[in-house]
Amino acid sequence: MIIGNGPAGVVAAETLRHADAQADITLIGDEPEPPYSRMAIPYLLMARID
């Protein structure tokens, strides 16, 4: 279980998944949307990524 679905929580989940592909991983956060890269928002708004 990882508390926080921000960048650090997502990296922690990815690291755990890489170490154990069968592990049960749960991200807990207070945002209603799935985790996303806040750093990518300007590029998304400028239509540089999908």
C-alpha atoms as a PDB file:
ATOM      1  CA  MET A   1       0.000   0.000   0.000  1.00  0.00           C
ATOM      2  CA  ILE A   2       1.339   3.390  -1.034  1.00  0.00           C
ATOM      3  CA  ILE A   3      -0.127   6.528   0.508  1.00  0.00           C
ATOM      4  CA  GLY A   4      -0.125   9.375  -2.014  1.00  0.00           C
ATOM      5  CA  ASN A   5      -0.799   9.174  -5.735  1.00  0.00           C
ATOM      6  CA  GLY A   6       1.548  11.974  -6.732  1.00  0.00           C
ATOM      7  CA  PRO A   7       4.810  11.542  -8.634  1.00  0.00           C
ATOM      8  CA  ALA A   8       6.656   9.884  -5.741  1.00  0.00           C
ATOM      9  CA  GLY A   9       3.828   7.405  -5.179  1.00  0.00           C
ATOM     10  CA  VAL A  10       3.681   6.494  -8.863  1.00  0.00           C
ATOM     11  CA  VAL A  11       7.462   6.013  -9.033  1.00  0.00           C
ATOM     12  CA  ALA A  12       7.294   3.845  -5.908  1.00  0.00           C
ATOM     13  CA  ALA A  13       4.564   1.707  -7.504  1.00  0.00           C
ATOM     14  CA  GLU A  14       6.548   1.380 -10.752  1.00  0.00           C
ATOM     15  CA  THR A  15       9.658   0.398  -8.796  1.00  0.00           C
ATOM     16  CA  LEU A  16       7.736  -2.231  -6.837  1.00  0.00           C
ATOM     17  CA  ARG A  17       6.160  -3.578 -10.028  1.00  0.00           C
ATOM     18  CA  HIS A  18       9.590  -3.840 -11.641  1.00  0.00           C
ATOM     19  CA  ALA A  19      10.905  -5.746  -8.603  1.00  0.00           C
ATOM     20  CA  ASP A  20       7.875  -8.072  -8.365  1.00  0.00           C
ATOM     21  CA  ALA A  21       5.476  -8.339 -11.291  1.00  0.00           C
ATOM     22  CA  GLN A  22       2.984 -10.316  -9.169  1.00  0.00           C
ATOM     23  CA  ALA A  23       2.892  -7.980  -6.138  1.00  0.00           C
ATOM     24  CA  ASP A  24      -0.413  -6.484  -4.996  1.00  0.00           C
ATOM     25  CA  ILE A  25       0.083  -2.711  -5.156  1.00  0.00           C
ATOM     26  CA  THR A  26      -2.505  -0.196  -3.994  1.00  0.00           C
ATOM     27  CA  LEU A  27      -2.140   3.571  -4.420  1.00  0.00           C
ATOM     28  CA  ILE A  28      -4.215   5.653  -2.018  1.00  0.00           C
ATOM     29  CA  GLY A  29      -4.756   9.343  -2.682  1.00  0.00           C
ATOM     30  CA  ASP A  30      -7.433  11.990  -2.312  1.00  0.00           C
ATOM     31  CA  GLU A  31      -7.679  12.994  -5.980  1.00  0.00           C
ATOM     32  CA  PRO A  32     -10.699  11.633  -7.896  1.00  0.00           C
ATOM     33  CA  GLU A  33      -8.685  11.200 -11.124  1.00  0.00           C
ATOM     34  CA  PRO A  34      -6.053   8.516 -11.785  1.00  0.00           C
ATOM     35  CA  PRO A  35      -2.413   9.547 -11.336  1.00  0.00           C
ATOM     36  CA  TYR A  36      -1.021  11.730 -14.111  1.00  0.00           C
ATOM     37  CA  SER A  37       2.149  13.679 -14.840  1.00  0.00           C
ATOM     38  CA  ARG A  38       1.644  17.274 -13.779  1.00  0.00           C
ATOM     39  CA  MET A  39       4.886  18.172 -15.561  1.00  0.00           C
ATOM     40  CA  ALA A  40       3.329  17.079 -18.890  1.00  0.00           C
ATOM     41  CA  ILE A  41       0.324  19.434 -18.667  1.00  0.00           C
ATOM     42  CA  PRO A  42       1.969  22.341 -20.571  1.00  0.00           C
ATOM     43  CA  TYR A  43       2.957  19.963 -23.392  1.00  0.00           C
ATOM     44  CA  LEU A  44      -0.553  18.540 -23.489  1.00  0.00           C
ATOM     45  CA  LEU A  45      -2.025  22.038 -23.686  1.00  0.00           C
ATOM     46  CA  MET A  46       0.374  22.948 -26.497  1.00  0.00           C
ATOM     47  CA  ALA A  47      -0.687  19.757 -28.342  1.00  0.00           C
ATOM     48  CA  ARG A  48       2.822  18.318 -28.282  1.00  0.00           C
ATOM     49  CA  ILE A  49       1.614  15.041 -26.740  1.00  0.00           C
ATOM     50  CA  ASP A  50      -1.630  13.061 -26.789  1.00  0.00           C
END
